[in-house]
C-alpha cells in the first residue's frame, strides 16, 4: 500500500484525476486481478469500468488504512551523520510520523539544533517520552550502545522501535522492532550478483561451440 500511495500521489501531481487497475499493474509488474483485489480491500468506492478509480479518494482511503492521517510522535536517539539525515528529511510527515525531539550523550551535540529540533541529553529521554506519550523510537547510535538505548525506550513506554544499527535487539514480546540493517541488505545484493554470474556462466558453458567453416 505505501508503494501504491507513492505512485498515486505522483499521478495526482501530474494532473490525473482517475487511474485504472491495468495501469497500476503495468507499473508494478502485477496482474490486474491482484491490483483490483488490493484496491478493493481499501477503497470506499469501487472502481468504475473503463474509468478506474478516483485518485484523490483512493489516496485518502489508503492514508486512512495506513494511519497516515493521525501523525504519530517519534523521537530519535543518536545525532550522528545518519541521525542528521533523518532529522532533515521532510517526507516523514507524509507517512504519519512526526519526529519531535532528538537525544544524544555527546556533550558537544547537546543543546545544538537540527532542522528546528533541539538535541537533548539522553538522561532526559525517559521523562520526555513519558510526558509526551511517545510510542515510536528511532535508534541511530553506535552498535555497542543500541541495546542500552533500546532498554531505556521500552522502559519509557515506547512500543515501536526503528533500529538502524547492525545489532540484534532483545525486547519484550509486545514490542515491535523494525531493523534497517545495511550490512544484511548489501549481503543479499552481493549474493544475488554472484548467483547471476553463476547462472550466466552455466548458460555460456552449455552453448554448442561454433564450428568455423
N, C-alpha and C. Protein backbone atom coordinates (compact mmCIF):
# COMPACT_ATOMS: atom_id res chain seq x y z
N UNK A 1 0.80 -1.21 0.00
CA UNK A 1 0.00 0.00 0.00
C UNK A 1 0.85 1.28 0.00
N UNK A 2 1.94 1.33 0.77
CA UNK A 2 2.77 2.53 0.71
C UNK A 2 3.31 2.81 -0.70
N UNK A 3 3.63 1.74 -1.44
CA UNK A 3 4.12 1.93 -2.81
C UNK A 3 3.01 2.40 -3.73
N UNK A 4 1.84 1.83 -3.59
CA UNK A 4 0.69 2.31 -4.35
C UNK A 4 0.47 3.79 -4.08
N UNK A 5 0.51 4.15 -2.82
CA UNK A 5 0.25 5.53 -2.40
C UNK A 5 1.25 6.49 -3.03
N UNK A 6 2.50 6.09 -3.05
CA UNK A 6 3.55 6.94 -3.62
C UNK A 6 3.27 7.24 -5.09
N UNK A 7 2.93 6.21 -5.84
CA UNK A 7 2.68 6.41 -7.27
C UNK A 7 1.38 7.17 -7.52
N UNK A 8 0.38 6.94 -6.70
CA UNK A 8 -0.87 7.67 -6.85
C UNK A 8 -0.66 9.16 -6.65
N UNK A 9 0.18 9.51 -5.67
CA UNK A 9 0.46 10.91 -5.42
C UNK A 9 1.24 11.53 -6.58
N UNK A 10 2.10 10.75 -7.20
CA UNK A 10 2.85 11.24 -8.35
C UNK A 10 1.91 11.52 -9.53
N UNK A 11 0.96 10.62 -9.74
CA UNK A 11 -0.01 10.82 -10.82
C UNK A 11 -0.91 12.02 -10.52
N UNK A 12 -1.30 12.17 -9.26
CA UNK A 12 -2.14 13.30 -8.88
C UNK A 12 -1.40 14.62 -9.12
N UNK A 13 -0.10 14.64 -8.82
CA UNK A 13 0.71 15.85 -9.03
C UNK A 13 0.81 16.21 -10.51
N UNK A 14 0.69 15.21 -11.37
CA UNK A 14 0.76 15.45 -12.82
C UNK A 14 -0.58 15.88 -13.40
N UNK A 15 -1.62 15.92 -12.54
CA UNK A 15 -2.92 16.40 -13.00
C UNK A 15 -3.94 15.32 -13.29
N UNK A 16 -3.58 14.06 -13.04
CA UNK A 16 -4.52 12.97 -13.28
C UNK A 16 -5.58 12.95 -12.16
N UNK A 17 -6.81 12.64 -12.54
CA UNK A 17 -7.88 12.55 -11.55
C UNK A 17 -8.37 11.12 -11.37
N UNK A 18 -8.10 10.25 -12.32
CA UNK A 18 -8.52 8.86 -12.22
C UNK A 18 -7.38 7.96 -12.69
N UNK A 19 -7.40 6.71 -12.22
CA UNK A 19 -6.36 5.76 -12.60
C UNK A 19 -6.97 4.37 -12.66
N UNK A 20 -6.48 3.56 -13.58
CA UNK A 20 -7.05 2.22 -13.77
C UNK A 20 -6.16 1.15 -13.15
N UNK A 21 -6.77 0.04 -12.81
CA UNK A 21 -6.04 -1.09 -12.26
C UNK A 21 -5.00 -1.64 -13.26
N UNK A 22 -5.33 -1.73 -14.57
CA UNK A 22 -4.33 -2.22 -15.53
C UNK A 22 -3.07 -1.35 -15.56
N UNK A 23 -3.23 -0.03 -15.43
CA UNK A 23 -2.06 0.85 -15.45
C UNK A 23 -1.18 0.62 -14.23
N UNK A 24 -1.81 0.49 -13.06
CA UNK A 24 -1.04 0.22 -11.84
C UNK A 24 -0.35 -1.14 -11.94
N UNK A 25 -1.06 -2.12 -12.50
CA UNK A 25 -0.49 -3.46 -12.66
C UNK A 25 0.74 -3.42 -13.57
N UNK A 26 0.66 -2.60 -14.62
CA UNK A 26 1.79 -2.48 -15.55
C UNK A 26 3.00 -1.84 -14.87
N UNK A 27 2.76 -0.85 -14.03
CA UNK A 27 3.84 -0.15 -13.33
C UNK A 27 4.59 -1.10 -12.39
N UNK A 28 3.84 -1.91 -11.65
CA UNK A 28 4.44 -2.76 -10.63
C UNK A 28 4.76 -4.18 -11.11
N UNK A 29 4.29 -4.51 -12.31
CA UNK A 29 4.53 -5.87 -12.80
C UNK A 29 3.63 -6.90 -12.15
N UNK A 30 2.47 -6.44 -11.64
CA UNK A 30 1.50 -7.34 -11.03
C UNK A 30 0.43 -7.73 -12.05
N UNK A 31 -0.44 -8.64 -11.67
CA UNK A 31 -1.59 -8.96 -12.50
C UNK A 31 -2.72 -7.98 -12.17
N UNK A 32 -3.61 -7.76 -13.13
CA UNK A 32 -4.73 -6.86 -12.89
C UNK A 32 -5.61 -7.37 -11.75
N UNK A 33 -5.76 -8.69 -11.67
CA UNK A 33 -6.59 -9.28 -10.62
C UNK A 33 -6.03 -8.94 -9.24
N UNK A 34 -4.69 -9.05 -9.09
CA UNK A 34 -4.06 -8.75 -7.81
C UNK A 34 -4.30 -7.29 -7.42
N UNK A 35 -4.12 -6.38 -8.38
CA UNK A 35 -4.28 -4.96 -8.10
C UNK A 35 -5.73 -4.65 -7.74
N UNK A 36 -6.67 -5.23 -8.46
CA UNK A 36 -8.09 -4.99 -8.18
C UNK A 36 -8.44 -5.47 -6.76
N UNK A 37 -7.89 -6.62 -6.36
CA UNK A 37 -8.14 -7.14 -5.02
C UNK A 37 -7.55 -6.22 -3.96
N UNK A 38 -6.32 -5.74 -4.22
CA UNK A 38 -5.67 -4.85 -3.26
C UNK A 38 -6.46 -3.57 -3.06
N UNK A 39 -6.87 -2.96 -4.17
CA UNK A 39 -7.58 -1.68 -4.10
C UNK A 39 -8.99 -1.86 -3.55
N UNK A 40 -9.62 -2.97 -3.88
CA UNK A 40 -10.97 -3.23 -3.37
C UNK A 40 -10.96 -3.37 -1.85
N UNK A 41 -9.82 -3.83 -1.31
CA UNK A 41 -9.72 -4.04 0.14
C UNK A 41 -9.65 -2.73 0.92
N UNK A 42 -9.26 -1.65 0.24
CA UNK A 42 -9.09 -0.37 0.95
C UNK A 42 -10.00 0.74 0.44
N UNK A 43 -10.48 0.62 -0.79
CA UNK A 43 -11.25 1.71 -1.40
C UNK A 43 -12.68 1.75 -0.88
N UNK A 44 -13.13 2.94 -0.49
CA UNK A 44 -14.50 3.12 0.00
C UNK A 44 -15.50 3.16 -1.16
N UNK A 45 -14.99 3.45 -2.36
CA UNK A 45 -15.83 3.48 -3.56
C UNK A 45 -15.16 2.60 -4.62
N UNK A 46 -15.87 1.60 -5.13
CA UNK A 46 -15.24 0.70 -6.12
C UNK A 46 -14.91 1.42 -7.43
N UNK A 47 -13.91 0.87 -8.12
CA UNK A 47 -13.54 1.43 -9.41
C UNK A 47 -14.65 1.22 -10.43
N UNK A 48 -14.68 2.11 -11.43
CA UNK A 48 -15.71 2.02 -12.46
C UNK A 48 -15.12 1.49 -13.75
N UNK A 49 -15.84 0.62 -14.46
CA UNK A 49 -15.33 0.07 -15.72
C UNK A 49 -14.92 1.19 -16.68
N UNK A 50 -13.75 1.05 -17.27
CA UNK A 50 -13.18 1.99 -18.24
C UNK A 50 -12.79 3.34 -17.65
N UNK A 51 -13.21 3.62 -16.44
CA UNK A 51 -12.86 4.89 -15.80
C UNK A 51 -11.86 4.71 -14.66
N UNK A 52 -11.87 3.53 -14.05
CA UNK A 52 -10.94 3.25 -12.98
C UNK A 52 -11.35 3.88 -11.66
N UNK A 53 -10.35 4.25 -10.86
CA UNK A 53 -10.58 4.78 -9.51
C UNK A 53 -10.34 6.29 -9.45
N UNK A 54 -11.07 6.95 -8.57
CA UNK A 54 -10.84 8.35 -8.29
C UNK A 54 -9.55 8.45 -7.48
N UNK A 55 -8.52 9.09 -8.04
CA UNK A 55 -7.20 9.11 -7.40
C UNK A 55 -7.24 9.79 -6.03
N UNK A 56 -7.88 10.95 -5.94
CA UNK A 56 -7.91 11.70 -4.68
C UNK A 56 -8.57 10.89 -3.58
N UNK A 57 -9.68 10.23 -3.91
CA UNK A 57 -10.40 9.43 -2.92
C UNK A 57 -9.60 8.20 -2.53
N UNK A 58 -8.94 7.59 -3.51
CA UNK A 58 -8.15 6.38 -3.25
C UNK A 58 -6.96 6.72 -2.35
N UNK A 59 -6.32 7.86 -2.59
CA UNK A 59 -5.22 8.32 -1.73
C UNK A 59 -5.71 8.49 -0.30
N UNK A 60 -6.85 9.12 -0.15
CA UNK A 60 -7.42 9.34 1.18
C UNK A 60 -7.72 8.03 1.90
N UNK A 61 -8.27 7.07 1.16
CA UNK A 61 -8.60 5.76 1.75
C UNK A 61 -7.35 5.01 2.20
N UNK A 62 -6.30 5.03 1.36
CA UNK A 62 -5.07 4.32 1.71
C UNK A 62 -4.38 4.97 2.90
N UNK A 63 -4.38 6.31 2.93
CA UNK A 63 -3.77 7.01 4.06
C UNK A 63 -4.52 6.70 5.36
N UNK A 64 -5.83 6.54 5.25
CA UNK A 64 -6.63 6.21 6.42
C UNK A 64 -6.29 4.81 6.92
N UNK A 65 -6.18 3.86 6.00
CA UNK A 65 -5.85 2.48 6.35
C UNK A 65 -4.46 2.38 6.99
N UNK A 66 -3.50 3.13 6.43
CA UNK A 66 -2.13 3.07 6.92
C UNK A 66 -1.90 3.90 8.18
N UNK A 67 -2.89 4.70 8.55
CA UNK A 67 -2.76 5.52 9.75
C UNK A 67 -1.98 6.79 9.54
N UNK A 68 -1.84 7.22 8.27
CA UNK A 68 -1.06 8.42 7.98
C UNK A 68 -1.80 9.71 8.33
N UNK A 69 -3.11 9.62 8.54
CA UNK A 69 -3.88 10.83 8.82
C UNK A 69 -3.78 11.25 10.28
N UNK A 70 -3.28 10.37 11.10
CA UNK A 70 -3.13 10.69 12.52
C UNK A 70 -1.65 10.58 12.87
N UNK A 71 -0.91 11.69 12.71
CA UNK A 71 0.55 11.67 12.92
C UNK A 71 0.95 11.08 14.28
N UNK A 72 1.94 10.22 14.24
CA UNK A 72 2.47 9.60 15.45
C UNK A 72 3.77 10.29 15.85
N UNK A 73 3.83 10.74 17.09
CA UNK A 73 5.04 11.41 17.56
C UNK A 73 6.16 10.40 17.78
N UNK A 74 7.37 10.80 17.37
CA UNK A 74 8.53 9.92 17.48
C UNK A 74 9.72 10.71 17.98
N UNK A 75 10.70 9.99 18.52
CA UNK A 75 11.96 10.61 18.92
C UNK A 75 13.10 9.81 18.31
N UNK A 76 14.26 10.46 18.19
CA UNK A 76 15.43 9.79 17.62
C UNK A 76 16.59 9.90 18.60
N UNK A 77 17.31 8.82 18.78
CA UNK A 77 18.46 8.81 19.67
C UNK A 77 19.71 8.51 18.86
N UNK A 78 20.65 9.46 18.87
CA UNK A 78 21.87 9.33 18.09
C UNK A 78 21.89 10.37 16.99
N UNK A 79 22.61 11.46 17.20
CA UNK A 79 22.61 12.55 16.22
C UNK A 79 23.94 12.60 15.49
N UNK A 80 24.30 11.46 14.89
CA UNK A 80 25.47 11.42 14.02
C UNK A 80 25.06 11.77 12.60
N UNK A 81 25.81 11.29 11.62
CA UNK A 81 25.51 11.61 10.22
C UNK A 81 24.13 11.09 9.82
N UNK A 82 23.84 9.84 10.18
CA UNK A 82 22.54 9.26 9.83
C UNK A 82 21.42 9.96 10.58
N UNK A 83 21.64 10.23 11.85
CA UNK A 83 20.64 10.92 12.65
C UNK A 83 20.32 12.28 12.06
N UNK A 84 21.35 13.01 11.63
CA UNK A 84 21.15 14.31 10.99
C UNK A 84 20.30 14.16 9.74
N UNK A 85 20.64 13.17 8.93
CA UNK A 85 19.92 12.97 7.67
C UNK A 85 18.43 12.69 7.91
N UNK A 86 18.14 11.85 8.90
CA UNK A 86 16.75 11.53 9.20
C UNK A 86 16.01 12.75 9.76
N UNK A 87 16.69 13.53 10.59
CA UNK A 87 16.05 14.72 11.15
C UNK A 87 15.78 15.77 10.08
N UNK A 88 16.59 15.79 9.05
CA UNK A 88 16.42 16.77 7.97
C UNK A 88 15.47 16.30 6.88
N UNK A 89 15.07 15.04 6.95
CA UNK A 89 14.15 14.51 5.93
C UNK A 89 12.74 15.05 6.17
N UNK A 90 12.21 15.74 5.17
CA UNK A 90 10.91 16.39 5.33
C UNK A 90 9.73 15.48 4.99
N UNK A 91 10.03 14.29 4.46
CA UNK A 91 8.95 13.43 3.99
C UNK A 91 8.24 12.60 5.04
N UNK A 92 8.75 12.56 6.28
CA UNK A 92 8.13 11.72 7.30
C UNK A 92 6.68 12.12 7.58
N UNK A 93 6.39 13.40 7.47
CA UNK A 93 5.02 13.86 7.75
C UNK A 93 4.02 13.24 6.78
N UNK A 94 4.49 12.88 5.58
CA UNK A 94 3.60 12.24 4.59
C UNK A 94 3.25 10.82 4.99
N UNK A 95 4.00 10.27 5.93
CA UNK A 95 3.79 8.89 6.34
C UNK A 95 3.34 8.77 7.79
N UNK A 96 2.82 9.86 8.30
CA UNK A 96 2.24 9.81 9.64
C UNK A 96 3.21 9.80 10.79
N UNK A 97 4.46 10.26 10.55
CA UNK A 97 5.45 10.31 11.62
C UNK A 97 5.94 11.74 11.82
N UNK A 98 5.97 12.16 13.06
CA UNK A 98 6.45 13.49 13.40
C UNK A 98 7.55 13.35 14.45
N UNK A 99 8.81 13.50 14.01
CA UNK A 99 9.94 13.42 14.94
C UNK A 99 10.01 14.74 15.70
N UNK A 100 9.67 14.69 16.98
CA UNK A 100 9.56 15.94 17.74
C UNK A 100 10.79 16.25 18.60
N UNK A 101 11.70 15.29 18.74
CA UNK A 101 12.87 15.55 19.58
C UNK A 101 14.01 14.60 19.23
N UNK A 102 15.23 15.04 19.54
CA UNK A 102 16.42 14.23 19.31
C UNK A 102 17.25 14.18 20.59
N UNK A 103 17.93 13.06 20.78
CA UNK A 103 18.72 12.87 22.01
C UNK A 103 20.11 12.33 21.67
N UNK A 104 21.08 12.72 22.48
CA UNK A 104 22.45 12.23 22.29
C UNK A 104 23.19 12.32 23.62
N UNK A 105 24.22 11.49 23.77
CA UNK A 105 25.01 11.51 25.01
C UNK A 105 26.26 12.36 24.87
N UNK A 106 26.55 12.79 23.65
CA UNK A 106 27.73 13.62 23.39
C UNK A 106 27.48 15.05 23.84
N UNK A 107 28.28 15.53 24.80
CA UNK A 107 28.08 16.88 25.35
C UNK A 107 28.24 17.96 24.29
N UNK A 108 29.06 17.69 23.25
CA UNK A 108 29.27 18.68 22.20
C UNK A 108 28.03 18.85 21.31
N UNK A 109 27.16 17.84 21.30
CA UNK A 109 25.96 17.90 20.47
C UNK A 109 24.74 18.38 21.25
N UNK A 110 24.74 18.14 22.55
CA UNK A 110 23.60 18.53 23.39
C UNK A 110 23.45 20.06 23.38
N UNK A 111 22.24 20.51 23.09
CA UNK A 111 21.98 21.95 23.03
C UNK A 111 21.98 22.49 21.62
N UNK A 112 22.54 21.72 20.68
CA UNK A 112 22.54 22.16 19.27
C UNK A 112 21.15 21.93 18.68
N UNK A 113 20.93 22.47 17.49
CA UNK A 113 19.63 22.35 16.84
C UNK A 113 19.79 21.76 15.45
N UNK A 114 18.95 20.78 15.11
CA UNK A 114 18.95 20.17 13.79
C UNK A 114 17.55 20.25 13.21
N UNK A 115 17.40 21.01 12.16
CA UNK A 115 16.10 21.18 11.50
C UNK A 115 15.01 21.60 12.49
N UNK A 116 15.39 22.51 13.37
CA UNK A 116 14.42 23.03 14.34
C UNK A 116 14.23 22.16 15.56
N UNK A 117 14.92 21.02 15.61
CA UNK A 117 14.80 20.12 16.76
C UNK A 117 16.03 20.28 17.66
N UNK A 118 15.81 20.63 18.93
CA UNK A 118 16.91 20.80 19.87
C UNK A 118 17.38 19.44 20.37
N UNK A 119 18.68 19.22 20.31
CA UNK A 119 19.26 17.96 20.77
C UNK A 119 19.36 17.99 22.29
N UNK A 120 18.73 16.99 22.93
CA UNK A 120 18.71 16.92 24.39
C UNK A 120 19.59 15.77 24.89
N UNK A 121 19.91 15.81 26.16
CA UNK A 121 20.71 14.75 26.76
C UNK A 121 19.86 13.48 26.88
N UNK A 122 20.50 12.34 26.67
CA UNK A 122 19.79 11.06 26.79
C UNK A 122 19.28 10.84 28.22
N UNK A 123 19.81 11.59 29.16
CA UNK A 123 19.35 11.49 30.54
C UNK A 123 17.89 11.95 30.68
N UNK A 124 17.45 12.75 29.72
CA UNK A 124 16.08 13.27 29.76
C UNK A 124 15.12 12.43 28.92
N UNK A 125 15.65 11.37 28.30
CA UNK A 125 14.86 10.56 27.38
C UNK A 125 13.60 9.99 28.02
N UNK A 126 13.75 9.33 29.16
CA UNK A 126 12.62 8.65 29.79
C UNK A 126 11.52 9.63 30.19
N UNK A 127 11.89 10.70 30.87
CA UNK A 127 10.87 11.66 31.32
C UNK A 127 10.17 12.33 30.15
N UNK A 128 10.93 12.63 29.10
CA UNK A 128 10.35 13.28 27.92
C UNK A 128 9.33 12.37 27.24
N UNK A 129 9.70 11.11 27.06
CA UNK A 129 8.82 10.15 26.38
C UNK A 129 7.54 9.90 27.18
N UNK A 130 7.68 9.78 28.48
CA UNK A 130 6.51 9.55 29.32
C UNK A 130 5.58 10.76 29.32
N UNK A 131 6.17 11.95 29.40
CA UNK A 131 5.38 13.18 29.44
C UNK A 131 4.63 13.40 28.13
N UNK A 132 5.29 13.10 26.99
CA UNK A 132 4.70 13.34 25.67
C UNK A 132 4.05 12.10 25.05
N UNK A 133 4.03 11.01 25.81
CA UNK A 133 3.41 9.76 25.36
C UNK A 133 3.95 9.30 24.01
N UNK A 134 5.26 9.26 23.91
CA UNK A 134 5.93 8.83 22.68
C UNK A 134 5.84 7.31 22.55
N UNK A 135 5.46 6.84 21.37
CA UNK A 135 5.35 5.40 21.13
C UNK A 135 6.33 4.88 20.08
N UNK A 136 6.98 5.80 19.36
CA UNK A 136 7.93 5.38 18.32
C UNK A 136 9.31 5.93 18.63
N UNK A 137 10.31 5.05 18.64
CA UNK A 137 11.69 5.46 18.89
C UNK A 137 12.59 5.02 17.74
N UNK A 138 13.47 5.91 17.32
CA UNK A 138 14.41 5.62 16.22
C UNK A 138 15.82 5.58 16.80
N UNK A 139 16.53 4.50 16.54
CA UNK A 139 17.88 4.32 17.09
C UNK A 139 18.93 4.43 16.00
N UNK A 140 19.83 5.42 16.13
CA UNK A 140 20.93 5.59 15.18
C UNK A 140 22.25 5.77 15.93
N UNK A 141 22.38 5.10 17.04
CA UNK A 141 23.60 5.19 17.85
C UNK A 141 24.59 4.11 17.41
N UNK A 142 25.85 4.15 17.87
CA UNK A 142 26.79 3.06 17.59
C UNK A 142 26.23 1.73 18.11
N UNK A 143 26.59 0.66 17.45
CA UNK A 143 26.02 -0.65 17.78
C UNK A 143 26.17 -1.04 19.24
N UNK A 144 27.31 -0.72 19.84
CA UNK A 144 27.57 -1.13 21.22
C UNK A 144 26.61 -0.48 22.22
N UNK A 145 25.99 0.65 21.82
CA UNK A 145 25.08 1.35 22.72
C UNK A 145 23.62 1.07 22.41
N UNK A 146 23.37 0.32 21.33
CA UNK A 146 22.00 0.12 20.85
C UNK A 146 21.08 -0.56 21.87
N UNK A 147 21.55 -1.64 22.50
CA UNK A 147 20.68 -2.37 23.42
C UNK A 147 20.34 -1.53 24.65
N UNK A 148 21.30 -0.79 25.14
CA UNK A 148 21.05 0.07 26.30
C UNK A 148 20.00 1.13 25.97
N UNK A 149 20.13 1.74 24.80
CA UNK A 149 19.15 2.75 24.36
C UNK A 149 17.78 2.10 24.18
N UNK A 150 17.77 0.92 23.60
CA UNK A 150 16.53 0.17 23.40
C UNK A 150 15.84 -0.08 24.74
N UNK A 151 16.61 -0.51 25.73
CA UNK A 151 16.04 -0.78 27.06
C UNK A 151 15.41 0.48 27.66
N UNK A 152 16.09 1.61 27.48
CA UNK A 152 15.58 2.88 28.00
C UNK A 152 14.28 3.26 27.31
N UNK A 153 14.20 3.00 26.00
CA UNK A 153 12.98 3.31 25.24
C UNK A 153 11.81 2.46 25.74
N UNK A 154 12.05 1.19 25.91
CA UNK A 154 11.00 0.28 26.37
C UNK A 154 10.52 0.71 27.76
N UNK A 155 11.47 1.04 28.62
CA UNK A 155 11.15 1.47 29.98
C UNK A 155 10.33 2.76 29.95
N UNK A 156 10.57 3.60 28.92
CA UNK A 156 9.88 4.89 28.81
C UNK A 156 8.50 4.76 28.19
N UNK A 157 8.13 3.55 27.77
CA UNK A 157 6.79 3.33 27.22
C UNK A 157 6.70 3.25 25.72
N UNK A 158 7.86 3.27 25.04
CA UNK A 158 7.88 3.15 23.58
C UNK A 158 7.56 1.71 23.19
N UNK A 159 6.69 1.54 22.21
CA UNK A 159 6.26 0.19 21.81
C UNK A 159 6.68 -0.19 20.39
N UNK A 160 7.23 0.78 19.63
CA UNK A 160 7.68 0.51 18.26
C UNK A 160 9.05 1.14 18.07
N UNK A 161 10.03 0.32 17.69
CA UNK A 161 11.42 0.80 17.56
C UNK A 161 11.93 0.58 16.14
N UNK A 162 12.46 1.65 15.57
CA UNK A 162 13.06 1.61 14.24
C UNK A 162 14.57 1.57 14.44
N UNK A 163 15.18 0.43 14.21
CA UNK A 163 16.58 0.20 14.54
C UNK A 163 17.47 0.30 13.30
N UNK A 164 18.36 1.31 13.29
CA UNK A 164 19.28 1.50 12.17
C UNK A 164 20.67 0.96 12.48
N UNK A 165 20.85 0.29 13.59
CA UNK A 165 22.14 -0.30 13.92
C UNK A 165 22.18 -1.74 13.42
N UNK A 166 23.37 -2.32 13.44
CA UNK A 166 23.51 -3.71 12.99
C UNK A 166 23.30 -4.70 14.14
N UNK A 167 23.08 -4.18 15.33
CA UNK A 167 22.91 -5.05 16.48
C UNK A 167 21.53 -5.69 16.55
N UNK A 168 21.49 -6.88 17.11
CA UNK A 168 20.22 -7.58 17.33
C UNK A 168 19.67 -7.14 18.68
N UNK A 169 18.49 -6.55 18.68
CA UNK A 169 17.91 -6.03 19.91
C UNK A 169 17.00 -7.06 20.57
N UNK A 170 17.15 -7.19 21.85
CA UNK A 170 16.30 -8.10 22.63
C UNK A 170 15.23 -7.27 23.32
N UNK A 171 13.98 -7.56 23.00
CA UNK A 171 12.87 -6.78 23.53
C UNK A 171 11.75 -7.71 24.01
N UNK A 172 10.84 -7.20 24.84
CA UNK A 172 9.67 -7.99 25.24
C UNK A 172 8.82 -8.34 24.02
N UNK A 173 8.03 -9.36 24.15
CA UNK A 173 7.24 -9.88 23.02
C UNK A 173 6.31 -8.83 22.41
N UNK A 174 5.79 -7.94 23.23
CA UNK A 174 4.81 -6.97 22.73
C UNK A 174 5.44 -5.77 22.03
N UNK A 175 6.77 -5.68 22.01
CA UNK A 175 7.47 -4.55 21.37
C UNK A 175 7.81 -4.91 19.92
N UNK A 176 7.50 -4.01 19.01
CA UNK A 176 7.82 -4.22 17.59
C UNK A 176 9.15 -3.55 17.25
N UNK A 177 10.05 -4.31 16.63
CA UNK A 177 11.33 -3.76 16.18
C UNK A 177 11.43 -3.91 14.66
N UNK A 178 11.65 -2.80 13.98
CA UNK A 178 11.86 -2.82 12.54
C UNK A 178 13.34 -2.55 12.29
N UNK A 179 14.06 -3.54 11.77
CA UNK A 179 15.50 -3.40 11.55
C UNK A 179 15.82 -2.91 10.15
N UNK A 180 16.72 -1.94 10.07
CA UNK A 180 17.23 -1.46 8.79
C UNK A 180 18.72 -1.78 8.78
N UNK A 181 19.04 -3.03 8.50
CA UNK A 181 20.42 -3.50 8.57
C UNK A 181 21.07 -3.41 7.19
N UNK A 182 21.91 -2.39 6.99
CA UNK A 182 22.54 -2.19 5.69
C UNK A 182 23.49 -3.32 5.32
N UNK A 183 24.17 -3.87 6.32
CA UNK A 183 25.10 -4.97 6.06
C UNK A 183 24.35 -6.18 5.50
N UNK A 184 23.19 -6.49 6.10
CA UNK A 184 22.40 -7.63 5.64
C UNK A 184 21.85 -7.38 4.24
N UNK A 185 21.39 -6.15 3.99
CA UNK A 185 20.85 -5.82 2.67
C UNK A 185 21.93 -5.89 1.59
N UNK A 186 23.13 -5.40 1.93
CA UNK A 186 24.23 -5.48 0.97
C UNK A 186 24.62 -6.92 0.70
N UNK A 187 24.60 -7.74 1.74
CA UNK A 187 24.93 -9.17 1.57
C UNK A 187 23.96 -9.83 0.61
N UNK A 188 22.67 -9.46 0.70
CA UNK A 188 21.67 -10.01 -0.21
C UNK A 188 21.93 -9.57 -1.64
N UNK A 189 22.31 -8.31 -1.82
CA UNK A 189 22.61 -7.81 -3.17
C UNK A 189 23.82 -8.52 -3.77
N UNK A 190 24.87 -8.65 -2.96
CA UNK A 190 26.09 -9.29 -3.44
C UNK A 190 25.84 -10.75 -3.78
N UNK A 191 25.05 -11.44 -2.92
CA UNK A 191 24.72 -12.84 -3.18
C UNK A 191 23.91 -12.98 -4.46
N UNK A 192 23.01 -12.02 -4.70
CA UNK A 192 22.21 -12.03 -5.93
C UNK A 192 23.11 -11.89 -7.16
N UNK A 193 24.11 -11.00 -7.07
CA UNK A 193 25.04 -10.81 -8.19
C UNK A 193 25.84 -12.07 -8.45
N UNK A 194 26.28 -12.73 -7.37
CA UNK A 194 27.06 -13.96 -7.51
C UNK A 194 26.22 -15.06 -8.17
N UNK A 195 24.97 -15.17 -7.75
CA UNK A 195 24.09 -16.19 -8.34
C UNK A 195 23.85 -15.91 -9.82
N UNK A 196 23.71 -14.64 -10.17
CA UNK A 196 23.51 -14.27 -11.58
C UNK A 196 24.72 -14.63 -12.42
N UNK A 197 25.92 -14.38 -11.85
CA UNK A 197 27.15 -14.70 -12.59
C UNK A 197 27.26 -16.20 -12.82
N UNK A 198 26.91 -16.99 -11.78
CA UNK A 198 26.96 -18.45 -11.91
C UNK A 198 25.97 -18.93 -12.96
N UNK A 199 24.78 -18.33 -12.95
CA UNK A 199 23.75 -18.73 -13.91
C UNK A 199 24.18 -18.40 -15.33
N UNK A 200 24.76 -17.20 -15.51
CA UNK A 200 25.23 -16.79 -16.84
C UNK A 200 26.37 -17.71 -17.29
N UNK A 201 27.26 -18.07 -16.33
CA UNK A 201 28.36 -18.96 -16.66
C UNK A 201 27.87 -20.33 -17.11
N UNK A 202 26.83 -20.85 -16.46
CA UNK A 202 26.27 -22.15 -16.83
C UNK A 202 25.67 -22.10 -18.23
N UNK A 203 25.00 -21.00 -18.53
CA UNK A 203 24.37 -20.86 -19.84
C UNK A 203 25.42 -20.82 -20.95
N UNK A 204 26.50 -20.07 -20.68
CA UNK A 204 27.55 -19.97 -21.69
C UNK A 204 28.23 -21.32 -21.88
N UNK A 205 28.43 -22.04 -20.77
CA UNK A 205 29.10 -23.34 -20.83
C UNK A 205 28.25 -24.35 -21.58
N UNK A 206 26.93 -24.19 -21.50
CA UNK A 206 26.05 -25.16 -22.13
C UNK A 206 25.80 -24.90 -23.61
N UNK A 207 26.31 -23.79 -24.13
CA UNK A 207 26.08 -23.48 -25.54
C UNK A 207 26.89 -24.41 -26.44
N UNK A 208 26.35 -24.70 -27.61
CA UNK A 208 27.09 -25.51 -28.60
C UNK A 208 28.20 -24.66 -29.19
N UNK A 209 29.41 -25.19 -29.27
CA UNK A 209 30.52 -24.41 -29.83
C UNK A 209 30.28 -24.11 -31.31
N UNK A 210 30.73 -22.97 -31.74
CA UNK A 210 30.57 -22.58 -33.16
C UNK A 210 31.75 -23.13 -33.93
N UNK A 211 31.43 -23.98 -34.89
CA UNK A 211 32.50 -24.63 -35.69
C UNK A 211 32.73 -23.79 -36.94
N UNK A 212 33.93 -23.24 -37.10
CA UNK A 212 34.22 -22.41 -38.28
C UNK A 212 34.17 -23.24 -39.56
N UNK A 213 33.69 -22.62 -40.61
CA UNK A 213 33.61 -23.31 -41.90
C UNK A 213 34.91 -23.13 -42.66
